[in-house]
Amino acid sequence: MQAIHPLLPATIPWHSIAVLPQPDGRCAVLKADAFRALEADAGLDVEVQASWAQRHGVFVTTAAACARPLGQQVPTRPEKCDEFF
């Protein structure tokens, strides 16, 4: 999850976020305490959304991250994330 790095003031250890694929193509995204500490230090909440699909025998994955100041509402669709950058 190094791609989230521009939203936070430090690099993110690979184990700070766990993505658990669900049968319907959505993914549960779990944040470790280290990730939550980075959010708190930056004064941000970071919403991470991920999905997957299989097309012609190939797995395709997508992920989006939205950063928002603490206390602001976050969008529910990844395509709306750019409102918060």
C-alpha atoms as a PDB file:
ATOM      1  CA  MET A   1       0.000   0.000   0.000  1.00  0.00           C
ATOM      2  CA  GLN A   2       2.891   2.363  -0.615  1.00  0.00           C
ATOM      3  CA  ALA A   3       0.659   4.211  -3.097  1.00  0.00           C
ATOM      4  CA  ILE A   4      -1.187   5.772  -0.151  1.00  0.00           C
ATOM      5  CA  HIS A   5       2.080   7.427   0.918  1.00  0.00           C
ATOM      6  CA  PRO A   6       1.370  10.878  -0.646  1.00  0.00           C
ATOM      7  CA  LEU A   7      -1.608  11.277   1.703  1.00  0.00           C
ATOM      8  CA  LEU A   8       0.424  10.717   4.879  1.00  0.00           C
ATOM      9  CA  PRO A   9       3.715  12.155   6.128  1.00  0.00           C
ATOM     10  CA  ALA A  10       5.538   8.795   6.246  1.00  0.00           C
ATOM     11  CA  THR A  11       5.836   5.581   4.287  1.00  0.00           C
ATOM     12  CA  ILE A  12       3.421   2.828   5.184  1.00  0.00           C
ATOM     13  CA  PRO A  13       4.733  -0.600   6.193  1.00  0.00           C
ATOM     14  CA  TRP A  14       3.313  -3.318   3.939  1.00  0.00           C
ATOM     15  CA  HIS A  15       1.509  -4.956   6.864  1.00  0.00           C
ATOM     16  CA  SER A  16      -0.331  -1.758   7.915  1.00  0.00           C
ATOM     17  CA  ILE A  17      -3.304  -2.537   5.675  1.00  0.00           C
ATOM     18  CA  ALA A  18      -4.909  -5.921   5.054  1.00  0.00           C
ATOM     19  CA  VAL A  19      -7.229  -6.440   2.079  1.00  0.00           C
ATOM     20  CA  LEU A  20      -9.567  -9.411   2.304  1.00  0.00           C
ATOM     21  CA  PRO A  21     -11.323 -10.283  -0.995  1.00  0.00           C
ATOM     22  CA  GLN A  22     -15.032 -11.095  -0.707  1.00  0.00           C
ATOM     23  CA  PRO A  23     -16.948 -13.429  -3.084  1.00  0.00           C
ATOM     24  CA  ASP A  24     -18.951 -10.530  -4.576  1.00  0.00           C
ATOM     25  CA  GLY A  25     -15.875  -8.608  -5.788  1.00  0.00           C
ATOM     26  CA  ARG A  26     -15.683  -6.187  -2.894  1.00  0.00           C
ATOM     27  CA  CYS A  27     -12.829  -6.253  -0.397  1.00  0.00           C
ATOM     28  CA  ALA A  28     -12.791  -5.708   3.329  1.00  0.00           C
ATOM     29  CA  VAL A  29      -9.966  -3.297   4.167  1.00  0.00           C
ATOM     30  CA  LEU A  30      -8.490  -3.555   7.664  1.00  0.00           C
ATOM     31  CA  LYS A  31      -6.183  -0.886   9.114  1.00  0.00           C
ATOM     32  CA  ALA A  32      -3.473  -1.858  11.616  1.00  0.00           C
ATOM     33  CA  ASP A  33      -2.663   0.304  14.632  1.00  0.00           C
ATOM     34  CA  ALA A  34       0.476   1.601  12.864  1.00  0.00           C
ATOM     35  CA  PHE A  35      -1.661   2.967  10.032  1.00  0.00           C
ATOM     36  CA  ARG A  36      -4.129   4.555  12.448  1.00  0.00           C
ATOM     37  CA  ALA A  37      -1.216   6.215  14.246  1.00  0.00           C
ATOM     38  CA  LEU A  38      -0.038   7.772  10.957  1.00  0.00           C
ATOM     39  CA  GLU A  39      -3.567   9.071  10.331  1.00  0.00           C
ATOM     40  CA  ALA A  40      -3.719  10.613  13.802  1.00  0.00           C
ATOM     41  CA  ASP A  41      -0.284  12.239  13.431  1.00  0.00           C
ATOM     42  CA  ALA A  42      -1.373  13.774  10.106  1.00  0.00           C
ATOM     43  CA  GLY A  43      -4.807  14.841  11.393  1.00  0.00           C
ATOM     44  CA  LEU A  44      -6.454  12.825   8.621  1.00  0.00           C
ATOM     45  CA  ASP A  45      -8.843   9.949   8.151  1.00  0.00           C
ATOM     46  CA  VAL A  46      -7.941   7.862   5.101  1.00  0.00           C
ATOM     47  CA  GLU A  47     -10.705   5.793   3.547  1.00  0.00           C
ATOM     48  CA  VAL A  48      -9.332   2.898   1.494  1.00  0.00           C
ATOM     49  CA  GLN A  49     -11.627   1.027  -0.894  1.00  0.00           C
ATOM     50  CA  ALA A  50     -10.654  -1.995  -2.976  1.00  0.00           C
ATOM     51  CA  SER A  51     -12.332  -4.410  -5.365  1.00  0.00           C
ATOM     52  CA  TRP A  52     -11.449  -7.344  -7.575  1.00  0.00           C
ATOM     53  CA  ALA A  53     -12.801  -9.199 -10.614  1.00  0.00           C
ATOM     54  CA  GLN A  54     -11.729 -12.096 -12.773  1.00  0.00           C
ATOM     55  CA  ARG A  55     -11.750 -11.445 -16.521  1.00  0.00           C
ATOM     56  CA  HIS A  56     -10.643 -14.078 -19.038  1.00  0.00           C
ATOM     57  CA  GLY A  57      -8.664 -15.951 -16.394  1.00  0.00           C
ATOM     58  CA  VAL A  58      -6.895 -12.830 -15.104  1.00  0.00           C
ATOM     59  CA  PHE A  59      -7.538 -11.187 -11.746  1.00  0.00           C
ATOM     60  CA  VAL A  60      -7.995  -7.423 -11.962  1.00  0.00           C
ATOM     61  CA  THR A  61      -7.794  -5.375  -8.763  1.00  0.00           C
ATOM     62  CA  THR A  62      -8.525  -1.737  -8.066  1.00  0.00           C
ATOM     63  CA  ALA A  63      -7.998   0.429  -5.012  1.00  0.00           C
ATOM     64  CA  ALA A  64      -8.664   4.045  -4.116  1.00  0.00           C
ATOM     65  CA  ALA A  65      -7.761   6.102  -1.080  1.00  0.00           C
ATOM     66  CA  CYS A  66      -9.496   9.269   0.072  1.00  0.00           C
ATOM     67  CA  ALA A  67      -7.930  11.523   2.683  1.00  0.00           C
ATOM     68  CA  ARG A  68     -10.068  13.930   4.654  1.00  0.00           C
ATOM     69  CA  PRO A  69      -9.475  16.112   7.699  1.00  0.00           C
ATOM     70  CA  LEU A  70     -10.721  14.547  10.919  1.00  0.00           C
ATOM     71  CA  GLY A  71     -14.449  15.082  11.365  1.00  0.00           C
ATOM     72  CA  GLN A  72     -15.387  15.455   7.671  1.00  0.00           C
ATOM     73  CA  GLN A  73     -17.635  12.967   5.915  1.00  0.00           C
ATOM     74  CA  VAL A  74     -15.948  10.687   3.371  1.00  0.00           C
ATOM     75  CA  PRO A  75     -17.582   9.725   0.041  1.00  0.00           C
ATOM     76  CA  THR A  76     -18.839   6.178  -0.400  1.00  0.00           C
ATOM     77  CA  ARG A  77     -17.736   5.750  -4.033  1.00  0.00           C
ATOM     78  CA  PRO A  78     -14.055   5.729  -5.102  1.00  0.00           C
ATOM     79  CA  GLU A  79     -14.744   7.972  -8.116  1.00  0.00           C
ATOM     80  CA  LYS A  80     -15.633  10.756  -5.664  1.00  0.00           C
ATOM     81  CA  CYS A  81     -12.284  10.583  -3.864  1.00  0.00           C
ATOM     82  CA  ASP A  82     -10.784  13.444  -5.900  1.00  0.00           C
ATOM     83  CA  GLU A  83     -13.085  15.842  -4.015  1.00  0.00           C
ATOM     84  CA  PHE A  84     -10.844  15.417  -0.986  1.00  0.00           C
ATOM     85  CA  PHE A  85      -7.348  15.643  -2.547  1.00  0.00           C
END
